[in-house]
Amino acid sequence: MANAPELATTLDEYLQFEDASLRRHEFFGGRIHQTADITMRHNRISGNVMLALGDHFEGTPCQVFVSGVKLHVQATDSVYYPDVFVYCGSAIANGEKLVDDALLVVEVASES
């Protein structure tokens, strides 16, 4: 398993590192940060939100994604794994693993 680099890095270096890693990491502030493990409760809440949003956006060009797809926030050149997000664009980059911008982002809060 690859360890997250301690030094600042570029977006391209992060994407290469993330493709080779067994764990998920987010990228912000020019650094790679490992994500926390997800509990069953957290997963259940995210799933319920995804289902409700999926019903709401049925028949629109928007798509609802949950946790495994990376969101690139262009304004800060950061990459996150939101718990749930709504994407209404058409172009998907990086082998359908990374999208730019979102209509809505949902994060499930946890004690950690």
PDB file of N, CA and C in Angstrom:
ATOM      1  N   MET A   1       0.847  -1.168   0.000  1.00  0.00           N
ATOM      2  CA  MET A   1       0.000   0.000   0.000  1.00  0.00           C
ATOM      3  C   MET A   1       0.891   1.229   0.000  1.00  0.00           C
ATOM      4  N   ALA A   2       0.569   2.193  -0.847  1.00  0.00           N
ATOM      5  CA  ALA A   2       1.334   3.424  -0.940  1.00  0.00           C
ATOM      6  C   ALA A   2       0.985   4.346   0.215  1.00  0.00           C
ATOM      7  N   ASN A   3       2.012   5.018   0.756  1.00  0.00           N
ATOM      8  CA  ASN A   3       1.790   6.009   1.803  1.00  0.00           C
ATOM      9  C   ASN A   3       1.674   7.381   1.173  1.00  0.00           C
ATOM     10  N   ALA A   4       0.862   8.255   1.779  1.00  0.00           N
ATOM     11  CA  ALA A   4       0.664   9.599   1.246  1.00  0.00           C
ATOM     12  C   ALA A   4       1.967  10.397   1.369  1.00  0.00           C
ATOM     13  N   PRO A   5       2.368  11.084   0.307  1.00  0.00           N
ATOM     14  CA  PRO A   5       3.568  11.909   0.371  1.00  0.00           C
ATOM     15  C   PRO A   5       3.411  13.016   1.402  1.00  0.00           C
ATOM     16  N   GLU A   6       4.494  13.335   2.114  1.00  0.00           N
ATOM     17  CA  GLU A   6       4.462  14.396   3.113  1.00  0.00           C
ATOM     18  C   GLU A   6       4.609  15.771   2.470  1.00  0.00           C
ATOM     19  N   LEU A   7       5.277  15.849   1.330  1.00  0.00           N
ATOM     20  CA  LEU A   7       5.548  17.127   0.700  1.00  0.00           C
ATOM     21  C   LEU A   7       4.385  17.575  -0.167  1.00  0.00           C
ATOM     22  N   ALA A   8       4.364  18.873  -0.439  1.00  0.00           N
ATOM     23  CA  ALA A   8       3.348  19.414  -1.344  1.00  0.00           C
ATOM     24  C   ALA A   8       3.502  18.742  -2.710  1.00  0.00           C
ATOM     25  N   THR A   9       2.398  18.652  -3.423  1.00  0.00           N
ATOM     26  CA  THR A   9       2.385  17.950  -4.692  1.00  0.00           C
ATOM     27  C   THR A   9       1.458  18.666  -5.664  1.00  0.00           C
ATOM     28  N   THR A  10       1.404  18.196  -6.880  1.00  0.00           N
ATOM     29  CA  THR A  10       0.508  18.777  -7.883  1.00  0.00           C
ATOM     30  C   THR A  10      -0.730  17.902  -8.018  1.00  0.00           C
ATOM     31  N   LEU A  11      -1.733  18.414  -8.693  1.00  0.00           N
ATOM     32  CA  LEU A  11      -2.953  17.644  -8.929  1.00  0.00           C
ATOM     33  C   LEU A  11      -2.645  16.374  -9.716  1.00  0.00           C
ATOM     34  N   ASP A  12      -1.819  16.481 -10.754  1.00  0.00           N
ATOM     35  CA  ASP A  12      -1.473  15.291 -11.546  1.00  0.00           C
ATOM     36  C   ASP A  12      -0.753  14.248 -10.707  1.00  0.00           C
ATOM     37  N   GLU A  13       0.159  14.682  -9.836  1.00  0.00           N
ATOM     38  CA  GLU A  13       0.867  13.733  -8.963  1.00  0.00           C
ATOM     39  C   GLU A  13      -0.116  13.066  -7.995  1.00  0.00           C
ATOM     40  N   TYR A  14      -1.054  13.839  -7.469  1.00  0.00           N
ATOM     41  CA  TYR A  14      -2.077  13.273  -6.593  1.00  0.00           C
ATOM     42  C   TYR A  14      -2.878  12.199  -7.330  1.00  0.00           C
ATOM     43  N   LEU A  15      -3.333  12.508  -8.543  1.00  0.00           N
ATOM     44  CA  LEU A  15      -4.153  11.555  -9.301  1.00  0.00           C
ATOM     45  C   LEU A  15      -3.389  10.260  -9.578  1.00  0.00           C
ATOM     46  N   GLN A  16      -2.106  10.356  -9.892  1.00  0.00           N
ATOM     47  CA  GLN A  16      -1.283   9.154 -10.108  1.00  0.00           C
ATOM     48  C   GLN A  16      -1.152   8.368  -8.810  1.00  0.00           C
ATOM     49  N   PHE A  17      -0.885   9.078  -7.709  1.00  0.00           N
ATOM     50  CA  PHE A  17      -0.760   8.426  -6.409  1.00  0.00           C
ATOM     51  C   PHE A  17      -2.071   7.725  -6.033  1.00  0.00           C
ATOM     52  N   GLU A  18      -3.188   8.407  -6.228  1.00  0.00           N
ATOM     53  CA  GLU A  18      -4.495   7.872  -5.838  1.00  0.00           C
ATOM     54  C   GLU A  18      -4.852   6.628  -6.655  1.00  0.00           C
ATOM     55  N   ASP A  19      -4.504   6.616  -7.934  1.00  0.00           N
ATOM     56  CA  ASP A  19      -4.772   5.443  -8.772  1.00  0.00           C
ATOM     57  C   ASP A  19      -4.030   4.210  -8.274  1.00  0.00           C
ATOM     58  N   ALA A  20      -2.860   4.406  -7.653  1.00  0.00           N
ATOM     59  CA  ALA A  20      -2.048   3.285  -7.188  1.00  0.00           C
ATOM     60  C   ALA A  20      -2.335   2.911  -5.730  1.00  0.00           C
ATOM     61  N   SER A  21      -3.112   3.707  -5.031  1.00  0.00           N
ATOM     62  CA  SER A  21      -3.328   3.501  -3.598  1.00  0.00           C
ATOM     63  C   SER A  21      -4.506   2.563  -3.330  1.00  0.00           C
ATOM     64  N   LEU A  22      -4.412   1.817  -2.253  1.00  0.00           N
ATOM     65  CA  LEU A  22      -5.502   0.957  -1.815  1.00  0.00           C
ATOM     66  C   LEU A  22      -6.482   1.715  -0.922  1.00  0.00           C
ATOM     67  N   ARG A  23      -6.045   2.841  -0.356  1.00  0.00           N
ATOM     68  CA  ARG A  23      -6.898   3.686   0.491  1.00  0.00           C
ATOM     69  C   ARG A  23      -7.270   4.949  -0.269  1.00  0.00           C
ATOM     70  N   ARG A  24      -8.321   5.607   0.169  1.00  0.00           N
ATOM     71  CA  ARG A  24      -8.743   6.847  -0.486  1.00  0.00           C
ATOM     72  C   ARG A  24      -8.093   8.048   0.188  1.00  0.00           C
ATOM     73  N   HIS A  25      -7.751   9.025  -0.653  1.00  0.00           N
ATOM     74  CA  HIS A  25      -7.150  10.264  -0.184  1.00  0.00           C
ATOM     75  C   HIS A  25      -7.791  11.439  -0.892  1.00  0.00           C
ATOM     76  N   GLU A  26      -7.843  12.582  -0.206  1.00  0.00           N
ATOM     77  CA  GLU A  26      -8.313  13.808  -0.826  1.00  0.00           C
ATOM     78  C   GLU A  26      -7.112  14.729  -1.009  1.00  0.00           C
ATOM     79  N   PHE A  27      -7.297  15.736  -1.838  1.00  0.00           N
ATOM     80  CA  PHE A  27      -6.196  16.636  -2.190  1.00  0.00           C
ATOM     81  C   PHE A  27      -6.650  18.071  -1.969  1.00  0.00           C
ATOM     82  N   PHE A  28      -6.019  18.758  -1.027  1.00  0.00           N
ATOM     83  CA  PHE A  28      -6.291  20.173  -0.832  1.00  0.00           C
ATOM     84  C   PHE A  28      -5.082  20.822  -0.171  1.00  0.00           C
ATOM     85  N   GLY A  29      -4.919  22.107  -0.448  1.00  0.00           N
ATOM     86  CA  GLY A  29      -3.762  22.818   0.083  1.00  0.00           C
ATOM     87  C   GLY A  29      -2.450  22.299  -0.485  1.00  0.00           C
ATOM     88  N   GLY A  30      -2.510  21.684  -1.680  1.00  0.00           N
ATOM     89  CA  GLY A  30      -1.299  21.145  -2.283  1.00  0.00           C
ATOM     90  C   GLY A  30      -0.778  19.895  -1.598  1.00  0.00           C
ATOM     91  N   ARG A  31      -1.583  19.305  -0.730  1.00  0.00           N
ATOM     92  CA  ARG A  31      -1.163  18.118   0.023  1.00  0.00           C
ATOM     93  C   ARG A  31      -2.207  17.004  -0.098  1.00  0.00           C
ATOM     94  N   ILE A  32      -1.745  15.790   0.101  1.00  0.00           N
ATOM     95  CA  ILE A  32      -2.602  14.604   0.053  1.00  0.00           C
ATOM     96  C   ILE A  32      -2.980  14.237   1.485  1.00  0.00           C
ATOM     97  N   HIS A  33      -4.290  14.030   1.706  1.00  0.00           N
ATOM     98  CA  HIS A  33      -4.797  13.715   3.035  1.00  0.00           C
ATOM     99  C   HIS A  33      -5.642  12.446   2.967  1.00  0.00           C
ATOM    100  N   GLN A  34      -5.329  11.464   3.834  1.00  0.00           N
ATOM    101  CA  GLN A  34      -6.090  10.218   3.859  1.00  0.00           C
ATOM    102  C   GLN A  34      -7.485  10.474   4.413  1.00  0.00           C
ATOM    103  N   THR A  35      -8.494   9.837   3.821  1.00  0.00           N
ATOM    104  CA  THR A  35      -9.862   9.994   4.297  1.00  0.00           C
ATOM    105  C   THR A  35     -10.121   9.044   5.466  1.00  0.00           C
ATOM    106  N   ALA A  36     -11.107   9.392   6.269  1.00  0.00           N
ATOM    107  CA  ALA A  36     -11.480   8.561   7.410  1.00  0.00           C
ATOM    108  C   ALA A  36     -12.279   7.354   6.937  1.00  0.00           C
ATOM    109  N   ASP A  37     -12.266   6.301   7.729  1.00  0.00           N
ATOM    110  CA  ASP A  37     -13.092   5.133   7.436  1.00  0.00           C
ATOM    111  C   ASP A  37     -14.564   5.506   7.615  1.00  0.00           C
ATOM    112  N   ILE A  38     -15.432   4.836   6.873  1.00  0.00           N
ATOM    113  CA  ILE A  38     -16.861   5.124   6.909  1.00  0.00           C
ATOM    114  C   ILE A  38     -17.567   4.048   7.721  1.00  0.00           C
ATOM    115  N   THR A  39     -18.420   4.475   8.649  1.00  0.00           N
ATOM    116  CA  THR A  39     -19.181   3.529   9.472  1.00  0.00           C
ATOM    117  C   THR A  39     -20.438   3.074   8.737  1.00  0.00           C
ATOM    118  N   MET A  40     -21.064   2.037   9.242  1.00  0.00           N
ATOM    119  CA  MET A  40     -22.310   1.546   8.648  1.00  0.00           C
ATOM    120  C   MET A  40     -23.404   2.611   8.748  1.00  0.00           C
ATOM    121  N   ARG A  41     -23.473   3.332   9.869  1.00  0.00           N
ATOM    122  CA  ARG A  41     -24.476   4.384  10.050  1.00  0.00           C
ATOM    123  C   ARG A  41     -24.271   5.489   9.017  1.00  0.00           C
ATOM    124  N   HIS A  42     -23.027   5.903   8.862  1.00  0.00           N
ATOM    125  CA  HIS A  42     -22.671   6.933   7.884  1.00  0.00           C
ATOM    126  C   HIS A  42     -23.076   6.487   6.481  1.00  0.00           C
ATOM    127  N   ASN A  43     -22.784   5.246   6.158  1.00  0.00           N
ATOM    128  CA  ASN A  43     -23.112   4.694   4.846  1.00  0.00           C
ATOM    129  C   ASN A  43     -24.620   4.636   4.621  1.00  0.00           C
ATOM    130  N   ARG A  44     -25.358   4.259   5.649  1.00  0.00           N
ATOM    131  CA  ARG A  44     -26.820   4.173   5.552  1.00  0.00           C
ATOM    132  C   ARG A  44     -27.431   5.557   5.304  1.00  0.00           C
ATOM    133  N   ILE A  45     -26.938   6.578   6.018  1.00  0.00           N
ATOM    134  CA  ILE A  45     -27.439   7.937   5.826  1.00  0.00           C
ATOM    135  C   ILE A  45     -27.121   8.414   4.414  1.00  0.00           C
ATOM    136  N   SER A  46     -25.892   8.204   3.963  1.00  0.00           N
ATOM    137  CA  SER A  46     -25.504   8.604   2.604  1.00  0.00           C
ATOM    138  C   SER A  46     -26.381   7.921   1.563  1.00  0.00           C
ATOM    139  N   GLY A  47     -26.650   6.644   1.758  1.00  0.00           N
ATOM    140  CA  GLY A  47     -27.491   5.902   0.818  1.00  0.00           C
ATOM    141  C   GLY A  47     -28.907   6.443   0.764  1.00  0.00           C
ATOM    142  N   ASN A  48     -29.465   6.782   1.918  1.00  0.00           N
ATOM    143  CA  ASN A  48     -30.815   7.346   1.954  1.00  0.00           C
ATOM    144  C   ASN A  48     -30.869   8.695   1.241  1.00  0.00           C
ATOM    145  N   VAL A  49     -29.840   9.526   1.445  1.00  0.00           N
ATOM    146  CA  VAL A  49     -29.775  10.827   0.758  1.00  0.00           C
ATOM    147  C   VAL A  49     -29.662  10.605  -0.745  1.00  0.00           C
ATOM    148  N   MET A  50     -28.826   9.652  -1.155  1.00  0.00           N
ATOM    149  CA  MET A  50     -28.652   9.369  -2.576  1.00  0.00           C
ATOM    150  C   MET A  50     -29.972   8.927  -3.215  1.00  0.00           C
ATOM    151  N   LEU A  51     -30.696   8.062  -2.541  1.00  0.00           N
ATOM    152  CA  LEU A  51     -31.984   7.598  -3.075  1.00  0.00           C
ATOM    153  C   LEU A  51     -32.981   8.741  -3.212  1.00  0.00           C
ATOM    154  N   ALA A  52     -33.055   9.599  -2.201  1.00  0.00           N
ATOM    155  CA  ALA A  52     -33.994  10.725  -2.256  1.00  0.00           C
ATOM    156  C   ALA A  52     -33.622  11.691  -3.373  1.00  0.00           C
ATOM    157  N   LEU A  53     -32.342  11.983  -3.511  1.00  0.00           N
ATOM    158  CA  LEU A  53     -31.907  12.887  -4.575  1.00  0.00           C
ATOM    159  C   LEU A  53     -32.099  12.240  -5.945  1.00  0.00           C
ATOM    160  N   GLY A  54     -31.853  10.940  -6.032  1.00  0.00           N
ATOM    161  CA  GLY A  54     -32.068  10.234  -7.292  1.00  0.00           C
ATOM    162  C   GLY A  54     -33.505  10.339  -7.755  1.00  0.00           C
ATOM    163  N   ASP A  55     -34.434  10.179  -6.814  1.00  0.00           N
ATOM    164  CA  ASP A  55     -35.856  10.339  -7.142  1.00  0.00           C
ATOM    165  C   ASP A  55     -36.153  11.764  -7.590  1.00  0.00           C
ATOM    166  N   HIS A  56     -35.585  12.731  -6.882  1.00  0.00           N
ATOM    167  CA  HIS A  56     -35.834  14.142  -7.198  1.00  0.00           C
ATOM    168  C   HIS A  56     -35.329  14.511  -8.597  1.00  0.00           C
ATOM    169  N   PHE A  57     -34.168  14.007  -8.975  1.00  0.00           N
ATOM    170  CA  PHE A  57     -33.559  14.385 -10.253  1.00  0.00           C
ATOM    171  C   PHE A  57     -33.891  13.411 -11.391  1.00  0.00           C
ATOM    172  N   GLU A  58     -34.770  12.461 -11.129  1.00  0.00           N
ATOM    173  CA  GLU A  58     -35.204  11.513 -12.176  1.00  0.00           C
ATOM    174  C   GLU A  58     -35.732  12.291 -13.382  1.00  0.00           C
ATOM    175  N   GLY A  59     -35.291  11.912 -14.570  1.00  0.00           N
ATOM    176  CA  GLY A  59     -35.752  12.548 -15.799  1.00  0.00           C
ATOM    177  C   GLY A  59     -35.034  13.843 -16.149  1.00  0.00           C
ATOM    178  N   THR A  60     -34.008  14.198 -15.387  1.00  0.00           N
ATOM    179  CA  THR A  60     -33.213  15.390 -15.685  1.00  0.00           C
ATOM    180  C   THR A  60     -31.839  14.935 -16.174  1.00  0.00           C
ATOM    181  N   PRO A  61     -31.027  15.836 -16.683  1.00  0.00           N
ATOM    182  CA  PRO A  61     -29.672  15.454 -17.090  1.00  0.00           C
ATOM    183  C   PRO A  61     -28.721  15.287 -15.903  1.00  0.00           C
ATOM    184  N   CYS A  62     -29.196  15.550 -14.712  1.00  0.00           N
ATOM    185  CA  CYS A  62     -28.333  15.469 -13.525  1.00  0.00           C
ATOM    186  C   CYS A  62     -28.190  14.027 -13.050  1.00  0.00           C
ATOM    187  N   GLN A  63     -27.016  13.735 -12.482  1.00  0.00           N
ATOM    188  CA  GLN A  63     -26.712  12.410 -11.954  1.00  0.00           C
ATOM    189  C   GLN A  63     -26.312  12.545 -10.492  1.00  0.00           C
ATOM    190  N   VAL A  64     -26.648  11.546  -9.686  1.00  0.00           N
ATOM    191  CA  VAL A  64     -26.290  11.544  -8.271  1.00  0.00           C
ATOM    192  C   VAL A  64     -25.193  10.510  -8.060  1.00  0.00           C
ATOM    193  N   PHE A  65     -24.121  10.938  -7.398  1.00  0.00           N
ATOM    194  CA  PHE A  65     -22.993  10.045  -7.119  1.00  0.00           C
ATOM    195  C   PHE A  65     -22.792   9.931  -5.617  1.00  0.00           C
ATOM    196  N   VAL A  66     -22.269   8.795  -5.208  1.00  0.00           N
ATOM    197  CA  VAL A  66     -22.021   8.555  -3.791  1.00  0.00           C
ATOM    198  C   VAL A  66     -20.586   8.082  -3.587  1.00  0.00           C
ATOM    199  N   SER A  67     -19.889   8.683  -2.715  1.00  0.00           N
ATOM    200  CA  SER A  67     -18.567   8.422  -2.144  1.00  0.00           C
ATOM    201  C   SER A  67     -17.427   7.943  -3.049  1.00  0.00           C
ATOM    202  N   GLY A  68     -17.631   7.136  -4.040  1.00  0.00           N
ATOM    203  CA  GLY A  68     -16.518   6.585  -4.803  1.00  0.00           C
ATOM    204  C   GLY A  68     -16.037   7.425  -5.964  1.00  0.00           C
ATOM    205  N   VAL A  69     -16.724   8.516  -6.273  1.00  0.00           N
ATOM    206  CA  VAL A  69     -16.340   9.375  -7.392  1.00  0.00           C
ATOM    207  C   VAL A  69     -15.733  10.648  -6.831  1.00  0.00           C
ATOM    208  N   LYS A  70     -14.602  11.044  -7.403  1.00  0.00           N
ATOM    209  CA  LYS A  70     -13.905  12.242  -6.932  1.00  0.00           C
ATOM    210  C   LYS A  70     -14.519  13.495  -7.545  1.00  0.00           C
ATOM    211  N   LEU A  71     -14.576  14.556  -6.742  1.00  0.00           N
ATOM    212  CA  LEU A  71     -15.066  15.852  -7.182  1.00  0.00           C
ATOM    213  C   LEU A  71     -13.904  16.840  -7.184  1.00  0.00           C
ATOM    214  N   HIS A  72     -13.603  17.395  -8.358  1.00  0.00           N
ATOM    215  CA  HIS A  72     -12.539  18.388  -8.490  1.00  0.00           C
ATOM    216  C   HIS A  72     -13.151  19.774  -8.367  1.00  0.00           C
ATOM    217  N   VAL A  73     -12.745  20.517  -7.353  1.00  0.00           N
ATOM    218  CA  VAL A  73     -13.212  21.888  -7.157  1.00  0.00           C
ATOM    219  C   VAL A  73     -12.170  22.793  -7.802  1.00  0.00           C
ATOM    220  N   GLN A  74     -12.508  23.290  -8.987  1.00  0.00           N
ATOM    221  CA  GLN A  74     -11.543  24.055  -9.781  1.00  0.00           C
ATOM    222  C   GLN A  74     -11.074  25.324  -9.084  1.00  0.00           C
ATOM    223  N   ALA A  75     -11.958  25.989  -8.354  1.00  0.00           N
ATOM    224  CA  ALA A  75     -11.618  27.269  -7.724  1.00  0.00           C
ATOM    225  C   ALA A  75     -10.451  27.143  -6.751  1.00  0.00           C
ATOM    226  N   THR A  76     -10.320  25.986  -6.107  1.00  0.00           N
ATOM    227  CA  THR A  76      -9.234  25.780  -5.144  1.00  0.00           C
ATOM    228  C   THR A  76      -8.263  24.686  -5.582  1.00  0.00           C
ATOM    229  N   ASP A  77      -8.485  24.127  -6.774  1.00  0.00           N
ATOM    230  CA  ASP A  77      -7.685  23.018  -7.292  1.00  0.00           C
ATOM    231  C   ASP A  77      -7.563  21.909  -6.248  1.00  0.00           C
ATOM    232  N   SER A  78      -8.710  21.540  -5.695  1.00  0.00           N
ATOM    233  CA  SER A  78      -8.789  20.503  -4.673  1.00  0.00           C
ATOM    234  C   SER A  78      -9.626  19.342  -5.190  1.00  0.00           C
ATOM    235  N   VAL A  79      -9.428  18.171  -4.598  1.00  0.00           N
ATOM    236  CA  VAL A  79     -10.204  16.986  -4.969  1.00  0.00           C
ATOM    237  C   VAL A  79     -10.725  16.337  -3.692  1.00  0.00           C
ATOM    238  N   TYR A  80     -12.018  16.074  -3.687  1.00  0.00           N
ATOM    239  CA  TYR A  80     -12.676  15.474  -2.531  1.00  0.00           C
ATOM    240  C   TYR A  80     -13.478  14.256  -2.962  1.00  0.00           C
ATOM    241  N   TYR A  81     -13.795  13.405  -1.981  1.00  0.00           N
ATOM    242  CA  TYR A  81     -14.741  12.307  -2.147  1.00  0.00           C
ATOM    243  C   TYR A  81     -15.978  12.680  -1.331  1.00  0.00           C
ATOM    244  N   PRO A  82     -16.892  13.483  -1.883  1.00  0.00           N
ATOM    245  CA  PRO A  82     -18.088  13.828  -1.107  1.00  0.00           C
ATOM    246  C   PRO A  82     -18.916  12.583  -0.813  1.00  0.00           C
ATOM    247  N   ASP A  83     -19.660  12.636   0.276  1.00  0.00           N
ATOM    248  CA  ASP A  83     -20.529  11.506   0.595  1.00  0.00           C
ATOM    249  C   ASP A  83     -21.568  11.318  -0.502  1.00  0.00           C
ATOM    250  N   VAL A  84     -22.184  12.420  -0.936  1.00  0.00           N
ATOM    251  CA  VAL A  84     -23.160  12.395  -2.027  1.00  0.00           C
ATOM    252  C   VAL A  84     -23.027  13.717  -2.766  1.00  0.00           C
ATOM    253  N   PHE A  85     -23.107  13.681  -4.103  1.00  0.00           N
ATOM    254  CA  PHE A  85     -23.168  14.939  -4.835  1.00  0.00           C
ATOM    255  C   PHE A  85     -23.957  14.779  -6.123  1.00  0.00           C
ATOM    256  N   VAL A  86     -24.467  15.924  -6.584  1.00  0.00           N
ATOM    257  CA  VAL A  86     -25.263  15.973  -7.804  1.00  0.00           C
ATOM    258  C   VAL A  86     -24.437  16.681  -8.858  1.00  0.00           C
ATOM    259  N   TYR A  87     -24.300  16.020 -10.007  1.00  0.00           N
ATOM    260  CA  TYR A  87     -23.511  16.531 -11.123  1.00  0.00           C
ATOM    261  C   TYR A  87     -24.416  16.652 -12.338  1.00  0.00           C
ATOM    262  N   CYS A  88     -24.438  17.835 -12.943  1.00  0.00           N
ATOM    263  CA  CYS A  88     -25.338  18.065 -14.079  1.00  0.00           C
ATOM    264  C   CYS A  88     -24.588  18.301 -15.384  1.00  0.00           C
ATOM    265  N   GLY A  89     -23.289  18.130 -15.387  1.00  0.00           N
ATOM    266  CA  GLY A  89     -22.512  18.312 -16.607  1.00  0.00           C
ATOM    267  C   GLY A  89     -22.523  17.066 -17.467  1.00  0.00           C
ATOM    268  N   SER A  90     -21.853  17.155 -18.609  1.00  0.00           N
ATOM    269  CA  SER A  90     -21.825  16.009 -19.514  1.00  0.00           C
ATOM    270  C   SER A  90     -20.450  15.369 -19.607  1.00  0.00           C
ATOM    271  N   ALA A  91     -19.397  16.159 -19.473  1.00  0.00           N
ATOM    272  CA  ALA A  91     -18.044  15.621 -19.627  1.00  0.00           C
ATOM    273  C   ALA A  91     -17.548  15.059 -18.298  1.00  0.00           C
ATOM    274  N   ILE A  92     -17.061  13.843 -18.334  1.00  0.00           N
ATOM    275  CA  ILE A  92     -16.457  13.220 -17.157  1.00  0.00           C
ATOM    276  C   ILE A  92     -15.017  12.885 -17.515  1.00  0.00           C
ATOM    277  N   ALA A  93     -14.099  13.288 -16.646  1.00  0.00           N
ATOM    278  CA  ALA A  93     -12.670  13.136 -16.920  1.00  0.00           C
ATOM    279  C   ALA A  93     -12.085  11.948 -16.163  1.00  0.00           C
ATOM    280  N   ASN A  94     -10.805  11.669 -16.413  1.00  0.00           N
ATOM    281  CA  ASN A  94     -10.015  10.694 -15.662  1.00  0.00           C
ATOM    282  C   ASN A  94     -10.685   9.324 -15.592  1.00  0.00           C
ATOM    283  N   GLY A  95     -11.092   8.803 -16.736  1.00  0.00           N
ATOM    284  CA  GLY A  95     -11.672   7.462 -16.765  1.00  0.00           C
ATOM    285  C   GLY A  95     -12.937   7.346 -15.942  1.00  0.00           C
ATOM    286  N   GLU A  96     -13.744   8.397 -15.945  1.00  0.00           N
ATOM    287  CA  GLU A  96     -15.007   8.433 -15.207  1.00  0.00           C
ATOM    288  C   GLU A  96     -14.817   8.272 -13.709  1.00  0.00           C
ATOM    289  N   LYS A  97     -13.716   8.805 -13.172  1.00  0.00           N
ATOM    290  CA  LYS A  97     -13.465   8.779 -11.735  1.00  0.00           C
ATOM    291  C   LYS A  97     -13.445  10.175 -11.140  1.00  0.00           C
ATOM    292  N   LEU A  98     -13.461  11.211 -11.989  1.00  0.00           N
ATOM    293  CA  LEU A  98     -13.287  12.581 -11.521  1.00  0.00           C
ATOM    294  C   LEU A  98     -14.205  13.506 -12.301  1.00  0.00           C
ATOM    295  N   VAL A  99     -15.018  14.282 -11.590  1.00  0.00           N
ATOM    296  CA  VAL A  99     -15.872  15.269 -12.248  1.00  0.00           C
ATOM    297  C   VAL A  99     -15.495  16.657 -11.738  1.00  0.00           C
ATOM    298  N   ASP A 100     -15.766  17.648 -12.563  1.00  0.00           N
ATOM    299  CA  ASP A 100     -15.509  19.040 -12.202  1.00  0.00           C
ATOM    300  C   ASP A 100     -16.816  19.704 -11.812  1.00  0.00           C
ATOM    301  N   ASP A 101     -16.829  20.274 -10.640  1.00  0.00           N
ATOM    302  CA  ASP A 101     -17.960  21.058 -10.150  1.00  0.00           C
ATOM    303  C   ASP A 101     -19.202  20.204  -9.900  1.00  0.00           C
ATOM    304  N   ALA A 102     -20.071  20.724  -9.063  1.00  0.00           N
ATOM    305  CA  ALA A 102     -21.289  19.998  -8.696  1.00  0.00           C
ATOM    306  C   ALA A 102     -22.407  20.996  -8.418  1.00  0.00           C
ATOM    307  N   LEU A 103     -23.616  20.559  -8.636  1.00  0.00           N
ATOM    308  CA  LEU A 103     -24.778  21.381  -8.306  1.00  0.00           C
ATOM    309  C   LEU A 103     -25.009  21.392  -6.802  1.00  0.00           C
ATOM    310  N   LEU A 104     -24.812  20.237  -6.160  1.00  0.00           N
ATOM    311  CA  LEU A 104     -25.075  20.071  -4.735  1.00  0.00           C
ATOM    312  C   LEU A 104     -24.088  19.075  -4.152  1.00  0.00           C
ATOM    313  N   VAL A 105     -23.555  19.379  -2.969  1.00  0.00           N
ATOM    314  CA  VAL A 105     -22.659  18.460  -2.264  1.00  0.00           C
ATOM    315  C   VAL A 105     -23.234  18.220  -0.873  1.00  0.00           C
ATOM    316  N   VAL A 106     -23.301  16.934  -0.482  1.00  0.00           N
ATOM    317  CA  VAL A 106     -23.797  16.562   0.841  1.00  0.00           C
ATOM    318  C   VAL A 106     -22.680  15.834   1.580  1.00  0.00           C
ATOM    319  N   GLU A 107     -22.362  16.307   2.770  1.00  0.00           N
ATOM    320  CA  GLU A 107     -21.403  15.635   3.648  1.00  0.00           C
ATOM    321  C   GLU A 107     -22.141  15.196   4.901  1.00  0.00           C
ATOM    322  N   VAL A 108     -21.988  13.947   5.272  1.00  0.00           N
ATOM    323  CA  VAL A 108     -22.592  13.424   6.493  1.00  0.00           C
ATOM    324  C   VAL A 108     -21.610  13.662   7.623  1.00  0.00           C
ATOM    325  N   ALA A 109     -22.039  14.424   8.615  1.00  0.00           N
ATOM    326  CA  ALA A 109     -21.162  14.733   9.755  1.00  0.00           C
ATOM    327  C   ALA A 109     -21.022  13.506  10.653  1.00  0.00           C
ATOM    328  N   SER A 110     -19.842  13.388  11.273  1.00  0.00           N
ATOM    329  CA  SER A 110     -19.608  12.304  12.204  1.00  0.00           C
ATOM    330  C   SER A 110     -18.858  12.847  13.406  1.00  0.00           C
ATOM    331  N   GLU A 111     -18.786  12.050  14.451  1.00  0.00           N
ATOM    332  CA  GLU A 111     -18.095  12.494  15.659  1.00  0.00           C
ATOM    333  C   GLU A 111     -16.618  12.778  15.418  1.00  0.00           C
ATOM    334  N   SER A 112     -16.014  12.073  14.471  1.00  0.00           N
ATOM    335  CA  SER A 112     -14.586  12.274  14.202  1.00  0.00           C
ATOM    336  C   SER A 112     -14.373  13.509  13.355  1.00  0.00           C
TER     337      SER A 112
END
